[in-house]
Amino acid sequence: MMKLLMAVDKRDKFRFFTSPVTDQMAPNYSKIIKQPMDLSTMKSKVERGLYDTWADLQADIVLMFTNAKTYNAPATMVHKQADALLTGGLKMVRNFKQGKTKLRGFTGAWRQRCRCSSV
């Protein structure tokens, strides 16, 4: 599970999902997003053995990217990257569940979906 999160983290090129979002970073975030999630929280949960199944981890991945898409307008880089990483992340979870842990091939597809060249 940690390997998967590290791969998602590596593809978060603007570091949008690395750590918890604060209201100082995103005004009224805590009023809009009731269940925040980020990669550092998920990594901590893996280290503490709090994910019993791949479905539990997948739920937090979906939550993190859905939160970003809920808070940020569709035209923003955050929303676009969340959409691309969600698609790629779910594909990775499916592959990991099937025992396929090679991560090659995901980077190009994610770049094409995101087409994020700058913030």
C-alpha atoms as a PDB file:
ATOM      1  CA  MET A   1       0.000   0.000   0.000  1.00  0.00           C
ATOM      2  CA  MET A   2       2.833   2.380   0.804  1.00  0.00           C
ATOM      3  CA  LYS A   3       4.370   1.755  -2.623  1.00  0.00           C
ATOM      4  CA  LEU A   4       1.114   2.792  -4.272  1.00  0.00           C
ATOM      5  CA  LEU A   5       0.873   5.986  -2.187  1.00  0.00           C
ATOM      6  CA  MET A   6       4.485   6.834  -2.984  1.00  0.00           C
ATOM      7  CA  ALA A   7       3.704   6.438  -6.683  1.00  0.00           C
ATOM      8  CA  VAL A   8       0.679   8.739  -6.424  1.00  0.00           C
ATOM      9  CA  ASP A   9       2.761  11.214  -4.417  1.00  0.00           C
ATOM     10  CA  LYS A  10       5.458  11.172  -7.097  1.00  0.00           C
ATOM     11  CA  ARG A  11       2.879  12.041  -9.744  1.00  0.00           C
ATOM     12  CA  ASP A  12       1.487  14.934  -7.671  1.00  0.00           C
ATOM     13  CA  LYS A  13       3.921  17.275  -9.396  1.00  0.00           C
ATOM     14  CA  PHE A  14       2.485  20.469  -7.912  1.00  0.00           C
ATOM     15  CA  ARG A  15       2.352  18.923  -4.397  1.00  0.00           C
ATOM     16  CA  PHE A  16      -1.366  19.725  -4.053  1.00  0.00           C
ATOM     17  CA  PHE A  17      -2.137  16.517  -2.150  1.00  0.00           C
ATOM     18  CA  THR A  18       1.000  16.027  -0.042  1.00  0.00           C
ATOM     19  CA  SER A  19      -0.229  17.458   3.262  1.00  0.00           C
ATOM     20  CA  PRO A  20      -3.482  18.554   4.933  1.00  0.00           C
ATOM     21  CA  VAL A  21      -5.235  21.609   3.510  1.00  0.00           C
ATOM     22  CA  THR A  22      -5.723  24.471   5.976  1.00  0.00           C
ATOM     23  CA  ASP A  23      -8.198  27.334   5.892  1.00  0.00           C
ATOM     24  CA  GLN A  24      -5.220  29.663   5.466  1.00  0.00           C
ATOM     25  CA  MET A  25      -4.267  27.846   2.268  1.00  0.00           C
ATOM     26  CA  ALA A  26      -7.858  27.528   1.052  1.00  0.00           C
ATOM     27  CA  PRO A  27     -10.397  29.912   2.622  1.00  0.00           C
ATOM     28  CA  ASN A  28     -13.405  28.169   4.216  1.00  0.00           C
ATOM     29  CA  TYR A  29     -12.045  24.740   3.298  1.00  0.00           C
ATOM     30  CA  SER A  30     -13.122  23.231   6.618  1.00  0.00           C
ATOM     31  CA  LYS A  31     -16.651  24.576   6.155  1.00  0.00           C
ATOM     32  CA  ILE A  32     -16.974  23.045   2.691  1.00  0.00           C
ATOM     33  CA  ILE A  33     -14.988  19.811   3.125  1.00  0.00           C
ATOM     34  CA  LYS A  34     -16.159  17.856   6.157  1.00  0.00           C
ATOM     35  CA  GLN A  35     -13.842  14.852   5.762  1.00  0.00           C
ATOM     36  CA  PRO A  36     -10.404  16.081   4.623  1.00  0.00           C
ATOM     37  CA  MET A  37      -7.818  13.611   3.345  1.00  0.00           C
ATOM     38  CA  ASP A  38      -4.254  13.913   2.037  1.00  0.00           C
ATOM     39  CA  LEU A  39      -1.314  11.687   1.180  1.00  0.00           C
ATOM     40  CA  SER A  40       0.566  12.232   4.455  1.00  0.00           C
ATOM     41  CA  THR A  41      -2.506  11.149   6.418  1.00  0.00           C
ATOM     42  CA  MET A  42      -2.896   8.047   4.261  1.00  0.00           C
ATOM     43  CA  LYS A  43       0.800   7.171   4.625  1.00  0.00           C
ATOM     44  CA  SER A  44       0.456   7.492   8.391  1.00  0.00           C
ATOM     45  CA  LYS A  45      -2.585   5.206   8.321  1.00  0.00           C
ATOM     46  CA  VAL A  46      -0.587   2.607   6.356  1.00  0.00           C
ATOM     47  CA  GLU A  47       2.297   2.810   8.847  1.00  0.00           C
ATOM     48  CA  ARG A  48      -0.127   2.327  11.755  1.00  0.00           C
ATOM     49  CA  GLY A  49      -1.873  -0.599  10.055  1.00  0.00           C
ATOM     50  CA  LEU A  50      -5.226   1.167   9.825  1.00  0.00           C
ATOM     51  CA  TYR A  51      -6.123  -0.071   6.343  1.00  0.00           C
ATOM     52  CA  ASP A  52      -7.530  -3.584   6.490  1.00  0.00           C
ATOM     53  CA  THR A  53      -8.239  -3.867   2.772  1.00  0.00           C
ATOM     54  CA  TRP A  54      -7.407  -2.270  -0.562  1.00  0.00           C
ATOM     55  CA  ALA A  55     -11.010  -1.023  -0.593  1.00  0.00           C
ATOM     56  CA  ASP A  56     -10.311   0.996   2.573  1.00  0.00           C
ATOM     57  CA  LEU A  57      -7.305   2.655   0.951  1.00  0.00           C
ATOM     58  CA  GLN A  58      -9.213   3.196  -2.280  1.00  0.00           C
ATOM     59  CA  ALA A  59     -12.004   4.948  -0.363  1.00  0.00           C
ATOM     60  CA  ASP A  60      -9.508   7.458   1.042  1.00  0.00           C
ATOM     61  CA  ILE A  61      -7.931   8.013  -2.381  1.00  0.00           C
ATOM     62  CA  VAL A  62     -11.362   8.727  -3.846  1.00  0.00           C
ATOM     63  CA  LEU A  63     -12.191  10.983  -0.880  1.00  0.00           C
ATOM     64  CA  MET A  64      -8.994  13.029  -1.290  1.00  0.00           C
ATOM     65  CA  PHE A  65      -9.487  13.696  -4.986  1.00  0.00           C
ATOM     66  CA  THR A  66     -13.251  14.188  -4.690  1.00  0.00           C
ATOM     67  CA  ASN A  67     -12.622  16.792  -1.986  1.00  0.00           C
ATOM     68  CA  ALA A  68     -10.255  18.640  -4.322  1.00  0.00           C
ATOM     69  CA  LYS A  69     -12.777  18.542  -7.148  1.00  0.00           C
ATOM     70  CA  THR A  70     -15.560  19.716  -4.829  1.00  0.00           C
ATOM     71  CA  TYR A  71     -13.619  22.690  -3.451  1.00  0.00           C
ATOM     72  CA  ASN A  72     -11.882  23.797  -6.658  1.00  0.00           C
ATOM     73  CA  ALA A  73     -13.579  24.964  -9.855  1.00  0.00           C
ATOM     74  CA  PRO A  74     -13.293  22.652 -12.893  1.00  0.00           C
ATOM     75  CA  ALA A  75     -10.984  25.039 -14.772  1.00  0.00           C
ATOM     76  CA  THR A  76      -8.347  25.114 -12.002  1.00  0.00           C
ATOM     77  CA  MET A  77      -5.107  23.143 -12.032  1.00  0.00           C
ATOM     78  CA  VAL A  78      -5.999  21.498  -8.717  1.00  0.00           C
ATOM     79  CA  HIS A  79      -9.282  20.170 -10.112  1.00  0.00           C
ATOM     80  CA  LYS A  80      -7.641  18.969 -13.330  1.00  0.00           C
ATOM     81  CA  GLN A  81      -4.821  17.218 -11.518  1.00  0.00           C
ATOM     82  CA  ALA A  82      -7.264  15.651  -9.041  1.00  0.00           C
ATOM     83  CA  ASP A  83      -9.268  14.268 -11.951  1.00  0.00           C
ATOM     84  CA  ALA A  84      -6.174  12.834 -13.641  1.00  0.00           C
ATOM     85  CA  LEU A  85      -4.709  11.396 -10.434  1.00  0.00           C
ATOM     86  CA  LEU A  86      -8.046   9.877  -9.433  1.00  0.00           C
ATOM     87  CA  THR A  87      -8.298   8.009 -12.723  1.00  0.00           C
ATOM     88  CA  GLY A  88      -4.682   6.849 -12.545  1.00  0.00           C
ATOM     89  CA  GLY A  89      -4.855   6.070  -8.831  1.00  0.00           C
ATOM     90  CA  LEU A  90      -7.908   3.846  -9.222  1.00  0.00           C
ATOM     91  CA  LYS A  91      -6.205   2.000 -12.068  1.00  0.00           C
ATOM     92  CA  MET A  92      -3.164   1.472  -9.865  1.00  0.00           C
ATOM     93  CA  VAL A  93      -5.313   0.139  -7.006  1.00  0.00           C
ATOM     94  CA  ARG A  94      -6.947  -2.349  -9.391  1.00  0.00           C
ATOM     95  CA  ASN A  95      -3.537  -3.507 -10.587  1.00  0.00           C
ATOM     96  CA  PHE A  96      -2.098  -3.769  -7.072  1.00  0.00           C
ATOM     97  CA  LYS A  97      -5.123  -5.803  -5.958  1.00  0.00           C
ATOM     98  CA  GLN A  98      -4.356  -8.205  -8.821  1.00  0.00           C
ATOM     99  CA  GLY A  99      -0.727  -8.464  -7.732  1.00  0.00           C
ATOM    100  CA  LYS A 100       0.629  -6.249 -10.522  1.00  0.00           C
ATOM    101  CA  THR A 101       3.038  -3.899  -8.782  1.00  0.00           C
ATOM    102  CA  LYS A 102       5.012  -2.631 -11.782  1.00  0.00           C
ATOM    103  CA  LEU A 103       4.218   1.049 -12.165  1.00  0.00           C
ATOM    104  CA  ARG A 104       5.500   1.653 -15.688  1.00  0.00           C
ATOM    105  CA  GLY A 105       3.062   3.055 -18.185  1.00  0.00           C
ATOM    106  CA  PHE A 106       1.076   5.222 -15.809  1.00  0.00           C
ATOM    107  CA  THR A 107       3.121   8.402 -16.123  1.00  0.00           C
ATOM    108  CA  GLY A 108       2.447   9.027 -19.806  1.00  0.00           C
ATOM    109  CA  ALA A 109      -1.271   8.426 -19.513  1.00  0.00           C
ATOM    110  CA  TRP A 110      -1.517  10.733 -16.527  1.00  0.00           C
ATOM    111  CA  ARG A 111       0.416  13.487 -18.287  1.00  0.00           C
ATOM    112  CA  GLN A 112      -1.902  13.273 -21.270  1.00  0.00           C
ATOM    113  CA  ARG A 113      -5.009  13.503 -19.083  1.00  0.00           C
ATOM    114  CA  CYS A 114      -3.732  16.359 -16.962  1.00  0.00           C
ATOM    115  CA  ARG A 115      -1.785  18.415 -19.507  1.00  0.00           C
ATOM    116  CA  CYS A 116      -0.695  20.592 -16.600  1.00  0.00           C
ATOM    117  CA  SER A 117       2.365  22.579 -17.597  1.00  0.00           C
ATOM    118  CA  SER A 118       2.230  25.281 -14.942  1.00  0.00           C
ATOM    119  CA  VAL A 119       0.273  26.500 -11.955  1.00  0.00           C
END
